[in-house]
Amino acid sequence: MSSTTTSYFFVLLSLVLILYGQIIIKYRINLLPNITGDFLTKSKMVVKFFYDPYILSGLFAALIASFFWMMALTNLSITRAYPIMAAAPVLILIFGVLTLNEELTAGKLIGAVLIFVGIILSAKC
């Protein structure tokens, strides 16, 4: 496998890990009661999230994603690598709707299409 191919693979690994982290963190937070109160009260509740092994796995996934991202950038320009990462909001929208029962609105759909068009344009130029 060439170094460029390996770098693109690292970008995709980074993207997958970021997606996993965001979805698992939101999934676990959805299981908890809403946080109300002042900043200090909310901060104390958020600190308790760090005791959840699934939330920790999401944070660890983000750390590992950063490692793969840096590995990718050793052989790719950021203008080649980042358009792939720009797919994250579209993929989060899809996974959010499918797994978290998030609402799909016309605005979100139009935004996803615009992001996708932007990714295609930046990849071709």
PDB file of N, CA and C in Angstrom:
ATOM      1  N   MET A   1       0.851  -1.176   0.000  1.00  0.00           N
ATOM      2  CA  MET A   1       0.000   0.000   0.000  1.00  0.00           C
ATOM      3  C   MET A   1       0.897   1.240   0.000  1.00  0.00           C
ATOM      4  N   SER A   2       0.592   2.191  -0.874  1.00  0.00           N
ATOM      5  CA  SER A   2       1.414   3.397  -0.953  1.00  0.00           C
ATOM      6  C   SER A   2       1.184   4.279   0.274  1.00  0.00           C
ATOM      7  N   SER A   3       2.114   5.194   0.483  1.00  0.00           N
ATOM      8  CA  SER A   3       1.983   6.080   1.652  1.00  0.00           C
ATOM      9  C   SER A   3       0.765   6.989   1.520  1.00  0.00           C
ATOM     10  N   THR A   4       0.422   7.365   0.292  1.00  0.00           N
ATOM     11  CA  THR A   4      -0.770   8.195   0.090  1.00  0.00           C
ATOM     12  C   THR A   4      -2.035   7.406   0.411  1.00  0.00           C
ATOM     13  N   THR A   5      -2.094   6.163  -0.047  1.00  0.00           N
ATOM     14  CA  THR A   5      -3.254   5.312   0.249  1.00  0.00           C
ATOM     15  C   THR A   5      -3.374   5.090   1.748  1.00  0.00           C
ATOM     16  N   THR A   6      -2.251   4.828   2.385  1.00  0.00           N
ATOM     17  CA  THR A   6      -2.251   4.639   3.835  1.00  0.00           C
ATOM     18  C   THR A   6      -2.747   5.900   4.537  1.00  0.00           C
ATOM     19  N   SER A   7      -2.337   7.054   4.051  1.00  0.00           N
ATOM     20  CA  SER A   7      -2.766   8.314   4.662  1.00  0.00           C
ATOM     21  C   SER A   7      -4.270   8.522   4.522  1.00  0.00           C
ATOM     22  N   TYR A   8      -4.808   8.204   3.359  1.00  0.00           N
ATOM     23  CA  TYR A   8      -6.266   8.303   3.191  1.00  0.00           C
ATOM     24  C   TYR A   8      -6.986   7.316   4.124  1.00  0.00           C
ATOM     25  N   PHE A   9      -6.417   6.155   4.311  1.00  0.00           N
ATOM     26  CA  PHE A   9      -6.973   5.184   5.253  1.00  0.00           C
ATOM     27  C   PHE A   9      -6.981   5.759   6.666  1.00  0.00           C
ATOM     28  N   PHE A  10      -5.895   6.460   7.048  1.00  0.00           N
ATOM     29  CA  PHE A  10      -5.830   7.087   8.368  1.00  0.00           C
ATOM     30  C   PHE A  10      -6.901   8.179   8.510  1.00  0.00           C
ATOM     31  N   VAL A  11      -7.144   8.923   7.429  1.00  0.00           N
ATOM     32  CA  VAL A  11      -8.202   9.944   7.462  1.00  0.00           C
ATOM     33  C   VAL A  11      -9.554   9.279   7.708  1.00  0.00           C
ATOM     34  N   LEU A  12      -9.813   8.188   7.003  1.00  0.00           N
ATOM     35  CA  LEU A  12     -11.086   7.480   7.190  1.00  0.00           C
ATOM     36  C   LEU A  12     -11.212   6.899   8.596  1.00  0.00           C
ATOM     37  N   LEU A  13     -10.122   6.365   9.135  1.00  0.00           N
ATOM     38  CA  LEU A  13     -10.153   5.872  10.515  1.00  0.00           C
ATOM     39  C   LEU A  13     -10.466   7.005  11.484  1.00  0.00           C
ATOM     40  N   SER A  14      -9.855   8.137  11.254  1.00  0.00           N
ATOM     41  CA  SER A  14     -10.110   9.303  12.096  1.00  0.00           C
ATOM     42  C   SER A  14     -11.584   9.697  12.033  1.00  0.00           C
ATOM     43  N   LEU A  15     -12.135   9.717  10.832  1.00  0.00           N
ATOM     44  CA  LEU A  15     -13.540  10.064  10.653  1.00  0.00           C
ATOM     45  C   LEU A  15     -14.454   9.080  11.374  1.00  0.00           C
ATOM     46  N   VAL A  16     -14.196   7.800  11.219  1.00  0.00           N
ATOM     47  CA  VAL A  16     -15.026   6.777  11.871  1.00  0.00           C
ATOM     48  C   VAL A  16     -14.961   6.910  13.396  1.00  0.00           C
ATOM     49  N   LEU A  17     -13.777   7.142  13.922  1.00  0.00           N
ATOM     50  CA  LEU A  17     -13.626   7.281  15.376  1.00  0.00           C
ATOM     51  C   LEU A  17     -14.342   8.524  15.897  1.00  0.00           C
ATOM     52  N   ILE A  18     -14.271   9.608  15.139  1.00  0.00           N
ATOM     53  CA  ILE A  18     -14.972  10.829  15.546  1.00  0.00           C
ATOM     54  C   ILE A  18     -16.482  10.602  15.538  1.00  0.00           C
ATOM     55  N   LEU A  19     -16.966   9.951  14.494  1.00  0.00           N
ATOM     56  CA  LEU A  19     -18.397   9.658  14.420  1.00  0.00           C
ATOM     57  C   LEU A  19     -18.840   8.785  15.590  1.00  0.00           C
ATOM     58  N   TYR A  20     -18.063   7.740  15.864  1.00  0.00           N
ATOM     59  CA  TYR A  20     -18.394   6.865  16.996  1.00  0.00           C
ATOM     60  C   TYR A  20     -18.453   7.684  18.290  1.00  0.00           C
ATOM     61  N   GLY A  21     -17.432   8.493  18.522  1.00  0.00           N
ATOM     62  CA  GLY A  21     -17.375   9.270  19.759  1.00  0.00           C
ATOM     63  C   GLY A  21     -18.570  10.176  19.939  1.00  0.00           C
ATOM     64  N   GLN A  22     -18.949  10.891  18.888  1.00  0.00           N
ATOM     65  CA  GLN A  22     -20.069  11.815  18.993  1.00  0.00           C
ATOM     66  C   GLN A  22     -21.392  11.087  19.219  1.00  0.00           C
ATOM     67  N   ILE A  23     -21.597  10.011  18.493  1.00  0.00           N
ATOM     68  CA  ILE A  23     -22.859   9.275  18.613  1.00  0.00           C
ATOM     69  C   ILE A  23     -22.977   8.595  19.979  1.00  0.00           C
ATOM     70  N   ILE A  24     -21.913   7.957  20.448  1.00  0.00           N
ATOM     71  CA  ILE A  24     -21.995   7.239  21.729  1.00  0.00           C
ATOM     72  C   ILE A  24     -22.156   8.222  22.894  1.00  0.00           C
ATOM     73  N   ILE A  25     -21.483   9.354  22.826  1.00  0.00           N
ATOM     74  CA  ILE A  25     -21.626  10.347  23.901  1.00  0.00           C
ATOM     75  C   ILE A  25     -23.064  10.873  23.937  1.00  0.00           C
ATOM     76  N   LYS A  26     -23.604  11.219  22.782  1.00  0.00           N
ATOM     77  CA  LYS A  26     -24.984  11.728  22.750  1.00  0.00           C
ATOM     78  C   LYS A  26     -25.980  10.654  23.184  1.00  0.00           C
ATOM     79  N   TYR A  27     -25.750   9.421  22.755  1.00  0.00           N
ATOM     80  CA  TYR A  27     -26.635   8.319  23.152  1.00  0.00           C
ATOM     81  C   TYR A  27     -26.668   8.173  24.674  1.00  0.00           C
ATOM     82  N   ARG A  28     -25.494   8.181  25.297  1.00  0.00           N
ATOM     83  CA  ARG A  28     -25.439   8.009  26.758  1.00  0.00           C
ATOM     84  C   ARG A  28     -26.023   9.213  27.491  1.00  0.00           C
ATOM     85  N   ILE A  29     -25.780  10.407  26.990  1.00  0.00           N
ATOM     86  CA  ILE A  29     -26.322  11.602  27.634  1.00  0.00           C
ATOM     87  C   ILE A  29     -27.848  11.607  27.539  1.00  0.00           C
ATOM     88  N   ASN A  30     -28.369  11.097  26.430  1.00  0.00           N
ATOM     89  CA  ASN A  30     -29.832  11.020  26.286  1.00  0.00           C
ATOM     90  C   ASN A  30     -30.473  10.121  27.335  1.00  0.00           C
ATOM     91  N   LEU A  31     -29.727   9.177  27.880  1.00  0.00           N
ATOM     92  CA  LEU A  31     -30.263   8.269  28.890  1.00  0.00           C
ATOM     93  C   LEU A  31     -30.368   8.924  30.268  1.00  0.00           C
ATOM     94  N   LEU A  32     -29.701  10.049  30.436  1.00  0.00           N
ATOM     95  CA  LEU A  32     -29.672  10.734  31.733  1.00  0.00           C
ATOM     96  C   LEU A  32     -30.762  11.795  31.790  1.00  0.00           C
ATOM     97  N   PRO A  33     -31.153  12.178  33.000  1.00  0.00           N
ATOM     98  CA  PRO A  33     -32.149  13.259  33.108  1.00  0.00           C
ATOM     99  C   PRO A  33     -31.540  14.585  32.653  1.00  0.00           C
ATOM    100  N   ASN A  34     -32.403  15.500  32.241  1.00  0.00           N
ATOM    101  CA  ASN A  34     -31.930  16.822  31.831  1.00  0.00           C
ATOM    102  C   ASN A  34     -31.211  17.505  32.986  1.00  0.00           C
ATOM    103  N   ILE A  35     -30.174  18.227  32.647  1.00  0.00           N
ATOM    104  CA  ILE A  35     -29.401  18.957  33.658  1.00  0.00           C
ATOM    105  C   ILE A  35     -29.982  20.356  33.773  1.00  0.00           C
ATOM    106  N   THR A  36     -30.364  20.723  34.975  1.00  0.00           N
ATOM    107  CA  THR A  36     -30.891  22.067  35.224  1.00  0.00           C
ATOM    108  C   THR A  36     -30.082  22.699  36.340  1.00  0.00           C
ATOM    109  N   GLY A  37     -30.241  23.971  36.478  1.00  0.00           N
ATOM    110  CA  GLY A  37     -29.562  24.680  37.555  1.00  0.00           C
ATOM    111  C   GLY A  37     -28.514  25.635  37.033  1.00  0.00           C
ATOM    112  N   ASP A  38     -27.737  26.171  37.960  1.00  0.00           N
ATOM    113  CA  ASP A  38     -26.711  27.137  37.590  1.00  0.00           C
ATOM    114  C   ASP A  38     -25.477  26.430  37.016  1.00  0.00           C
ATOM    115  N   PHE A  39     -24.491  27.218  36.656  1.00  0.00           N
ATOM    116  CA  PHE A  39     -23.283  26.693  36.012  1.00  0.00           C
ATOM    117  C   PHE A  39     -22.587  25.664  36.895  1.00  0.00           C
ATOM    118  N   LEU A  40     -22.466  25.932  38.168  1.00  0.00           N
ATOM    119  CA  LEU A  40     -21.771  25.012  39.082  1.00  0.00           C
ATOM    120  C   LEU A  40     -22.509  23.680  39.184  1.00  0.00           C
ATOM    121  N   THR A  41     -23.821  23.732  39.292  1.00  0.00           N
ATOM    122  CA  THR A  41     -24.618  22.503  39.366  1.00  0.00           C
ATOM    123  C   THR A  41     -24.466  21.684  38.087  1.00  0.00           C
ATOM    124  N   LYS A  42     -24.558  22.370  36.939  1.00  0.00           N
ATOM    125  CA  LYS A  42     -24.397  21.674  35.657  1.00  0.00           C
ATOM    126  C   LYS A  42     -22.998  21.088  35.530  1.00  0.00           C
ATOM    127  N   SER A  43     -21.997  21.829  35.969  1.00  0.00           N
ATOM    128  CA  SER A  43     -20.603  21.352  35.885  1.00  0.00           C
ATOM    129  C   SER A  43     -20.409  20.083  36.707  1.00  0.00           C
ATOM    130  N   LYS A  44     -21.003  20.039  37.889  1.00  0.00           N
ATOM    131  CA  LYS A  44     -20.886  18.847  38.734  1.00  0.00           C
ATOM    132  C   LYS A  44     -21.519  17.635  38.054  1.00  0.00           C
ATOM    133  N   MET A  45     -22.636  17.833  37.400  1.00  0.00           N
ATOM    134  CA  MET A  45     -23.297  16.728  36.695  1.00  0.00           C
ATOM    135  C   MET A  45     -22.457  16.254  35.507  1.00  0.00           C
ATOM    136  N   VAL A  46     -21.890  17.185  34.771  1.00  0.00           N
ATOM    137  CA  VAL A  46     -21.079  16.819  33.609  1.00  0.00           C
ATOM    138  C   VAL A  46     -19.844  16.041  34.044  1.00  0.00           C
ATOM    139  N   VAL A  47     -19.262  16.396  35.165  1.00  0.00           N
ATOM    140  CA  VAL A  47     -18.100  15.653  35.674  1.00  0.00           C
ATOM    141  C   VAL A  47     -18.488  14.199  35.940  1.00  0.00           C
ATOM    142  N   LYS A  48     -19.697  13.971  36.363  1.00  0.00           N
ATOM    143  CA  LYS A  48     -20.161  12.595  36.614  1.00  0.00           C
ATOM    144  C   LYS A  48     -20.221  11.773  35.326  1.00  0.00           C
ATOM    145  N   PHE A  49     -20.357  12.452  34.182  1.00  0.00           N
ATOM    146  CA  PHE A  49     -20.362  11.738  32.901  1.00  0.00           C
ATOM    147  C   PHE A  49     -19.060  10.964  32.695  1.00  0.00           C
ATOM    148  N   PHE A  50     -17.989  11.464  33.282  1.00  0.00           N
ATOM    149  CA  PHE A  50     -16.680  10.828  33.099  1.00  0.00           C
ATOM    150  C   PHE A  50     -16.581   9.471  33.799  1.00  0.00           C
ATOM    151  N   TYR A  51     -17.568   9.130  34.592  1.00  0.00           N
ATOM    152  CA  TYR A  51     -17.602   7.806  35.217  1.00  0.00           C
ATOM    153  C   TYR A  51     -18.287   6.767  34.322  1.00  0.00           C
ATOM    154  N   ASP A  52     -18.888   7.220  33.250  1.00  0.00           N
ATOM    155  CA  ASP A  52     -19.585   6.330  32.328  1.00  0.00           C
ATOM    156  C   ASP A  52     -18.572   5.741  31.347  1.00  0.00           C
ATOM    157  N   PRO A  53     -18.407   4.422  31.308  1.00  0.00           N
ATOM    158  CA  PRO A  53     -17.398   3.823  30.428  1.00  0.00           C
ATOM    159  C   PRO A  53     -17.671   4.069  28.947  1.00  0.00           C
ATOM    160  N   TYR A  54     -18.929   4.212  28.562  1.00  0.00           N
ATOM    161  CA  TYR A  54     -19.241   4.476  27.159  1.00  0.00           C
ATOM    162  C   TYR A  54     -18.829   5.894  26.765  1.00  0.00           C
ATOM    163  N   ILE A  55     -19.088   6.841  27.651  1.00  0.00           N
ATOM    164  CA  ILE A  55     -18.655   8.213  27.384  1.00  0.00           C
ATOM    165  C   ILE A  55     -17.129   8.269  27.341  1.00  0.00           C
ATOM    166  N   LEU A  56     -16.485   7.564  28.258  1.00  0.00           N
ATOM    167  CA  LEU A  56     -15.018   7.512  28.216  1.00  0.00           C
ATOM    168  C   LEU A  56     -14.519   6.903  26.910  1.00  0.00           C
ATOM    169  N   SER A  57     -15.226   5.889  26.404  1.00  0.00           N
ATOM    170  CA  SER A  57     -14.807   5.293  25.134  1.00  0.00           C
ATOM    171  C   SER A  57     -14.947   6.293  23.999  1.00  0.00           C
ATOM    172  N   GLY A  58     -15.959   7.142  24.044  1.00  0.00           N
ATOM    173  CA  GLY A  58     -16.125   8.182  23.030  1.00  0.00           C
ATOM    174  C   GLY A  58     -15.013   9.214  23.082  1.00  0.00           C
ATOM    175  N   LEU A  59     -14.623   9.589  24.299  1.00  0.00           N
ATOM    176  CA  LEU A  59     -13.525  10.539  24.450  1.00  0.00           C
ATOM    177  C   LEU A  59     -12.196   9.915  24.014  1.00  0.00           C
ATOM    178  N   PHE A  60     -12.001   8.649  24.339  1.00  0.00           N
ATOM    179  CA  PHE A  60     -10.792   7.944  23.929  1.00  0.00           C
ATOM    180  C   PHE A  60     -10.753   7.816  22.402  1.00  0.00           C
ATOM    181  N   ALA A  61     -11.904   7.575  21.791  1.00  0.00           N
ATOM    182  CA  ALA A  61     -11.973   7.489  20.329  1.00  0.00           C
ATOM    183  C   ALA A  61     -11.529   8.806  19.697  1.00  0.00           C
ATOM    184  N   ALA A  62     -11.916   9.934  20.300  1.00  0.00           N
ATOM    185  CA  ALA A  62     -11.489  11.239  19.782  1.00  0.00           C
ATOM    186  C   ALA A  62      -9.969  11.408  19.897  1.00  0.00           C
ATOM    187  N   LEU A  63      -9.410  10.927  20.979  1.00  0.00           N
ATOM    188  CA  LEU A  63      -7.961  10.996  21.156  1.00  0.00           C
ATOM    189  C   LEU A  63      -7.242  10.160  20.092  1.00  0.00           C
ATOM    190  N   ILE A  64      -7.710   8.951  19.884  1.00  0.00           N
ATOM    191  CA  ILE A  64      -7.099   8.075  18.875  1.00  0.00           C
ATOM    192  C   ILE A  64      -7.318   8.651  17.474  1.00  0.00           C
ATOM    193  N   ALA A  65      -8.476   9.252  17.234  1.00  0.00           N
ATOM    194  CA  ALA A  65      -8.742   9.898  15.949  1.00  0.00           C
ATOM    195  C   ALA A  65      -7.721  10.994  15.679  1.00  0.00           C
ATOM    196  N   SER A  66      -7.362  11.740  16.703  1.00  0.00           N
ATOM    197  CA  SER A  66      -6.351  12.792  16.548  1.00  0.00           C
ATOM    198  C   SER A  66      -4.998  12.202  16.160  1.00  0.00           C
ATOM    199  N   PHE A  67      -4.668  11.069  16.730  1.00  0.00           N
ATOM    200  CA  PHE A  67      -3.425  10.382  16.384  1.00  0.00           C
ATOM    201  C   PHE A  67      -3.427   9.995  14.896  1.00  0.00           C
ATOM    202  N   PHE A  68      -4.521   9.372  14.432  1.00  0.00           N
ATOM    203  CA  PHE A  68      -4.601   8.978  13.024  1.00  0.00           C
ATOM    204  C   PHE A  68      -4.615  10.189  12.102  1.00  0.00           C
ATOM    205  N   TRP A  69      -5.239  11.277  12.541  1.00  0.00           N
ATOM    206  CA  TRP A  69      -5.272  12.513  11.761  1.00  0.00           C
ATOM    207  C   TRP A  69      -3.849  13.046  11.559  1.00  0.00           C
ATOM    208  N   MET A  70      -3.082  13.062  12.617  1.00  0.00           N
ATOM    209  CA  MET A  70      -1.694  13.526  12.497  1.00  0.00           C
ATOM    210  C   MET A  70      -0.880  12.603  11.601  1.00  0.00           C
ATOM    211  N   MET A  71      -1.120  11.303  11.704  1.00  0.00           N
ATOM    212  CA  MET A  71      -0.432  10.352  10.824  1.00  0.00           C
ATOM    213  C   MET A  71      -0.786  10.629   9.363  1.00  0.00           C
ATOM    214  N   ALA A  72      -2.037  10.913   9.094  1.00  0.00           N
ATOM    215  CA  ALA A  72      -2.475  11.192   7.719  1.00  0.00           C
ATOM    216  C   ALA A  72      -1.809  12.440   7.177  1.00  0.00           C
ATOM    217  N   LEU A  73      -1.696  13.459   8.021  1.00  0.00           N
ATOM    218  CA  LEU A  73      -1.144  14.733   7.553  1.00  0.00           C
ATOM    219  C   LEU A  73       0.358  14.681   7.303  1.00  0.00           C
ATOM    220  N   THR A  74       1.005  13.600   7.696  1.00  0.00           N
ATOM    221  CA  THR A  74       2.436  13.488   7.381  1.00  0.00           C
ATOM    222  C   THR A  74       2.659  13.287   5.890  1.00  0.00           C
ATOM    223  N   ASN A  75       1.642  12.784   5.154  1.00  0.00           N
ATOM    224  CA  ASN A  75       1.795  12.543   3.721  1.00  0.00           C
ATOM    225  C   ASN A  75       0.742  13.228   2.850  1.00  0.00           C
ATOM    226  N   LEU A  76      -0.249  13.834   3.453  1.00  0.00           N
ATOM    227  CA  LEU A  76      -1.298  14.502   2.684  1.00  0.00           C
ATOM    228  C   LEU A  76      -1.340  15.980   3.041  1.00  0.00           C
ATOM    229  N   SER A  77      -1.690  16.792   2.060  1.00  0.00           N
ATOM    230  CA  SER A  77      -1.933  18.201   2.377  1.00  0.00           C
ATOM    231  C   SER A  77      -3.283  18.283   3.090  1.00  0.00           C
ATOM    232  N   ILE A  78      -3.424  19.278   3.883  1.00  0.00           N
ATOM    233  CA  ILE A  78      -4.683  19.430   4.626  1.00  0.00           C
ATOM    234  C   ILE A  78      -5.838  19.708   3.670  1.00  0.00           C
ATOM    235  N   THR A  79      -5.533  20.319   2.519  1.00  0.00           N
ATOM    236  CA  THR A  79      -6.595  20.595   1.546  1.00  0.00           C
ATOM    237  C   THR A  79      -7.065  19.326   0.842  1.00  0.00           C
ATOM    238  N   ARG A  80      -6.310  18.258   0.913  1.00  0.00           N
ATOM    239  CA  ARG A  80      -6.739  16.956   0.386  1.00  0.00           C
ATOM    240  C   ARG A  80      -7.433  16.128   1.468  1.00  0.00           C
ATOM    241  N   ALA A  81      -6.960  16.225   2.685  1.00  0.00           N
ATOM    242  CA  ALA A  81      -7.480  15.393   3.769  1.00  0.00           C
ATOM    243  C   ALA A  81      -8.788  15.942   4.353  1.00  0.00           C
ATOM    244  N   TYR A  82      -8.872  17.256   4.489  1.00  0.00           N
ATOM    245  CA  TYR A  82     -10.007  17.814   5.228  1.00  0.00           C
ATOM    246  C   TYR A  82     -11.360  17.667   4.543  1.00  0.00           C
ATOM    247  N   PRO A  83     -11.444  17.709   3.222  1.00  0.00           N
ATOM    248  CA  PRO A  83     -12.764  17.496   2.618  1.00  0.00           C
ATOM    249  C   PRO A  83     -13.403  16.171   3.041  1.00  0.00           C
ATOM    250  N   ILE A  84     -12.604  15.158   3.286  1.00  0.00           N
ATOM    251  CA  ILE A  84     -13.154  13.884   3.769  1.00  0.00           C
ATOM    252  C   ILE A  84     -13.749  14.081   5.158  1.00  0.00           C
ATOM    253  N   MET A  85     -13.051  14.824   5.993  1.00  0.00           N
ATOM    254  CA  MET A  85     -13.555  15.081   7.345  1.00  0.00           C
ATOM    255  C   MET A  85     -14.811  15.955   7.321  1.00  0.00           C
ATOM    256  N   ALA A  86     -14.951  16.741   6.255  1.00  0.00           N
ATOM    257  CA  ALA A  86     -16.131  17.606   6.142  1.00  0.00           C
ATOM    258  C   ALA A  86     -17.412  16.794   5.968  1.00  0.00           C
ATOM    259  N   ALA A  87     -17.268  15.517   5.683  1.00  0.00           N
ATOM    260  CA  ALA A  87     -18.447  14.643   5.586  1.00  0.00           C
ATOM    261  C   ALA A  87     -19.028  14.338   6.967  1.00  0.00           C
ATOM    262  N   ALA A  88     -18.300  14.637   8.021  1.00  0.00           N
ATOM    263  CA  ALA A  88     -18.755  14.306   9.379  1.00  0.00           C
ATOM    264  C   ALA A  88     -20.144  14.864   9.701  1.00  0.00           C
ATOM    265  N   PRO A  89     -20.440  16.136   9.426  1.00  0.00           N
ATOM    266  CA  PRO A  89     -21.786  16.618   9.767  1.00  0.00           C
ATOM    267  C   PRO A  89     -22.901  15.875   9.032  1.00  0.00           C
ATOM    268  N   VAL A  90     -22.643  15.503   7.785  1.00  0.00           N
ATOM    269  CA  VAL A  90     -23.650  14.768   7.015  1.00  0.00           C
ATOM    270  C   VAL A  90     -23.839  13.372   7.613  1.00  0.00           C
ATOM    271  N   LEU A  91     -22.737  12.720   7.933  1.00  0.00           N
ATOM    272  CA  LEU A  91     -22.819  11.383   8.517  1.00  0.00           C
ATOM    273  C   LEU A  91     -23.433  11.413   9.912  1.00  0.00           C
ATOM    274  N   ILE A  92     -23.115  12.436  10.683  1.00  0.00           N
ATOM    275  CA  ILE A  92     -23.731  12.594  12.009  1.00  0.00           C
ATOM    276  C   ILE A  92     -25.233  12.787  11.860  1.00  0.00           C
ATOM    277  N   LEU A  93     -25.630  13.567  10.867  1.00  0.00           N
ATOM    278  CA  LEU A  93     -27.069  13.750  10.616  1.00  0.00           C
ATOM    279  C   LEU A  93     -27.735  12.406  10.329  1.00  0.00           C
ATOM    280  N   ILE A  94     -27.134  11.622   9.452  1.00  0.00           N
ATOM    281  CA  ILE A  94     -27.702  10.322   9.090  1.00  0.00           C
ATOM    282  C   ILE A  94     -27.779   9.404  10.311  1.00  0.00           C
ATOM    283  N   PHE A  95     -26.652   9.266  11.023  1.00  0.00           N
ATOM    284  CA  PHE A  95     -26.640   8.386  12.194  1.00  0.00           C
ATOM    285  C   PHE A  95     -27.516   8.917  13.318  1.00  0.00           C
ATOM    286  N   GLY A  96     -27.586  10.238  13.456  1.00  0.00           N
ATOM    287  CA  GLY A  96     -28.446  10.828  14.477  1.00  0.00           C
ATOM    288  C   GLY A  96     -29.908  10.526  14.233  1.00  0.00           C
ATOM    289  N   VAL A  97     -30.321  10.615  12.987  1.00  0.00           N
ATOM    290  CA  VAL A  97     -31.707  10.312  12.637  1.00  0.00           C
ATOM    291  C   VAL A  97     -31.986   8.820  12.820  1.00  0.00           C
ATOM    292  N   LEU A  98     -31.050   7.977  12.358  1.00  0.00           N
ATOM    293  CA  LEU A  98     -31.279   6.530  12.392  1.00  0.00           C
ATOM    294  C   LEU A  98     -31.136   5.916  13.783  1.00  0.00           C
ATOM    295  N   THR A  99     -30.202   6.402  14.584  1.00  0.00           N
ATOM    296  CA  THR A  99     -29.928   5.748  15.867  1.00  0.00           C
ATOM    297  C   THR A  99     -30.403   6.521  17.088  1.00  0.00           C
ATOM    298  N   LEU A 100     -30.533   7.832  16.960  1.00  0.00           N
ATOM    299  CA  LEU A 100     -30.898   8.642  18.120  1.00  0.00           C
ATOM    300  C   LEU A 100     -32.283   9.262  17.996  1.00  0.00           C
ATOM    301  N   ASN A 101     -32.977   8.922  16.922  1.00  0.00           N
ATOM    302  CA  ASN A 101     -34.311   9.480  16.664  1.00  0.00           C
ATOM    303  C   ASN A 101     -34.309  11.004  16.591  1.00  0.00           C
ATOM    304  N   GLU A 102     -33.229  11.556  16.072  1.00  0.00           N
ATOM    305  CA  GLU A 102     -33.158  13.006  15.866  1.00  0.00           C
ATOM    306  C   GLU A 102     -34.109  13.385  14.735  1.00  0.00           C
ATOM    307  N   GLU A 103     -34.555  14.602  14.745  1.00  0.00           N
ATOM    308  CA  GLU A 103     -35.503  15.067  13.731  1.00  0.00           C
ATOM    309  C   GLU A 103     -34.769  15.441  12.446  1.00  0.00           C
ATOM    310  N   LEU A 104     -35.289  14.984  11.318  1.00  0.00           N
ATOM    311  CA  LEU A 104     -34.763  15.364  10.013  1.00  0.00           C
ATOM    312  C   LEU A 104     -35.668  16.443   9.443  1.00  0.00           C
ATOM    313  N   THR A 105     -35.117  17.638   9.327  1.00  0.00           N
ATOM    314  CA  THR A 105     -35.897  18.760   8.804  1.00  0.00           C
ATOM    315  C   THR A 105     -35.405  19.102   7.399  1.00  0.00           C
ATOM    316  N   ALA A 106     -36.185  19.900   6.708  1.00  0.00           N
ATOM    317  CA  ALA A 106     -35.799  20.331   5.362  1.00  0.00           C
ATOM    318  C   ALA A 106     -34.495  21.125   5.421  1.00  0.00           C
ATOM    319  N   GLY A 107     -34.350  21.956   6.423  1.00  0.00           N
ATOM    320  CA  GLY A 107     -33.124  22.748   6.561  1.00  0.00           C
ATOM    321  C   GLY A 107     -31.897  21.873   6.749  1.00  0.00           C
ATOM    322  N   LYS A 108     -32.017  20.845   7.570  1.00  0.00           N
ATOM    323  CA  LYS A 108     -30.893  19.932   7.787  1.00  0.00           C
ATOM    324  C   LYS A 108     -30.557  19.177   6.507  1.00  0.00           C
ATOM    325  N   LEU A 109     -31.585  18.776   5.785  1.00  0.00           N
ATOM    326  CA  LEU A 109     -31.375  18.047   4.537  1.00  0.00           C
ATOM    327  C   LEU A 109     -30.713  18.938   3.487  1.00  0.00           C
ATOM    328  N   ILE A 110     -31.177  20.155   3.359  1.00  0.00           N
ATOM    329  CA  ILE A 110     -30.570  21.102   2.416  1.00  0.00           C
ATOM    330  C   ILE A 110     -29.127  21.377   2.809  1.00  0.00           C
ATOM    331  N   GLY A 111     -28.884  21.561   4.092  1.00  0.00           N
ATOM    332  CA  GLY A 111     -27.519  21.781   4.572  1.00  0.00           C
ATOM    333  C   GLY A 111     -26.610  20.610   4.242  1.00  0.00           C
ATOM    334  N   ALA A 112     -27.110  19.385   4.414  1.00  0.00           N
ATOM    335  CA  ALA A 112     -26.318  18.192   4.109  1.00  0.00           C
ATOM    336  C   ALA A 112     -25.982  18.134   2.624  1.00  0.00           C
ATOM    337  N   VAL A 113     -26.951  18.468   1.789  1.00  0.00           N
ATOM    338  CA  VAL A 113     -26.710  18.471   0.338  1.00  0.00           C
ATOM    339  C   VAL A 113     -25.657  19.523  -0.012  1.00  0.00           C
ATOM    340  N   LEU A 114     -25.751  20.700   0.575  1.00  0.00           N
ATOM    341  CA  LEU A 114     -24.770  21.760   0.309  1.00  0.00           C
ATOM    342  C   LEU A 114     -23.368  21.344   0.755  1.00  0.00           C
ATOM    343  N   ILE A 115     -23.269  20.688   1.896  1.00  0.00           N
ATOM    344  CA  ILE A 115     -21.971  20.199   2.369  1.00  0.00           C
ATOM    345  C   ILE A 115     -21.412  19.185   1.382  1.00  0.00           C
ATOM    346  N   PHE A 116     -22.260  18.260   0.938  1.00  0.00           N
ATOM    347  CA  PHE A 116     -21.830  17.233   0.005  1.00  0.00           C
ATOM    348  C   PHE A 116     -21.366  17.858  -1.319  1.00  0.00           C
ATOM    349  N   VAL A 117     -22.093  18.838  -1.814  1.00  0.00           N
ATOM    350  CA  VAL A 117     -21.687  19.537  -3.045  1.00  0.00           C
ATOM    351  C   VAL A 117     -20.339  20.238  -2.820  1.00  0.00           C
ATOM    352  N   GLY A 118     -20.173  20.860  -1.679  1.00  0.00           N
ATOM    353  CA  GLY A 118     -18.900  21.514  -1.358  1.00  0.00           C
ATOM    354  C   GLY A 118     -17.739  20.539  -1.308  1.00  0.00           C
ATOM    355  N   ILE A 119     -17.973  19.368  -0.760  1.00  0.00           N
ATOM    356  CA  ILE A 119     -16.923  18.335  -0.704  1.00  0.00           C
ATOM    357  C   ILE A 119     -16.521  17.923  -2.121  1.00  0.00           C
ATOM    358  N   ILE A 120     -17.514  17.711  -2.973  1.00  0.00           N
ATOM    359  CA  ILE A 120     -17.228  17.315  -4.364  1.00  0.00           C
ATOM    360  C   ILE A 120     -16.464  18.426  -5.089  1.00  0.00           C
ATOM    361  N   LEU A 121     -16.899  19.648  -4.922  1.00  0.00           N
ATOM    362  CA  LEU A 121     -16.218  20.769  -5.597  1.00  0.00           C
ATOM    363  C   LEU A 121     -14.778  20.920  -5.106  1.00  0.00           C
ATOM    364  N   SER A 122     -14.558  20.811  -3.805  1.00  0.00           N
ATOM    365  CA  SER A 122     -13.202  20.983  -3.282  1.00  0.00           C
ATOM    366  C   SER A 122     -12.295  19.830  -3.682  1.00  0.00           C
ATOM    367  N   ALA A 123     -12.859  18.646  -3.855  1.00  0.00           N
ATOM    368  CA  ALA A 123     -12.057  17.495  -4.261  1.00  0.00           C
ATOM    369  C   ALA A 123     -11.650  17.583  -5.732  1.00  0.00           C
ATOM    370  N   LYS A 124     -12.463  18.218  -6.549  1.00  0.00           N
ATOM    371  CA  LYS A 124     -12.177  18.306  -7.981  1.00  0.00           C
ATOM    372  C   LYS A 124     -11.284  19.497  -8.334  1.00  0.00           C
ATOM    373  N   CYS A 125     -11.190  20.460  -7.471  1.00  0.00           N
ATOM    374  CA  CYS A 125     -10.408  21.668  -7.779  1.00  0.00           C
ATOM    375  C   CYS A 125      -8.999  21.587  -7.254  1.00  0.00           C
TER     376      CYS A 125
END
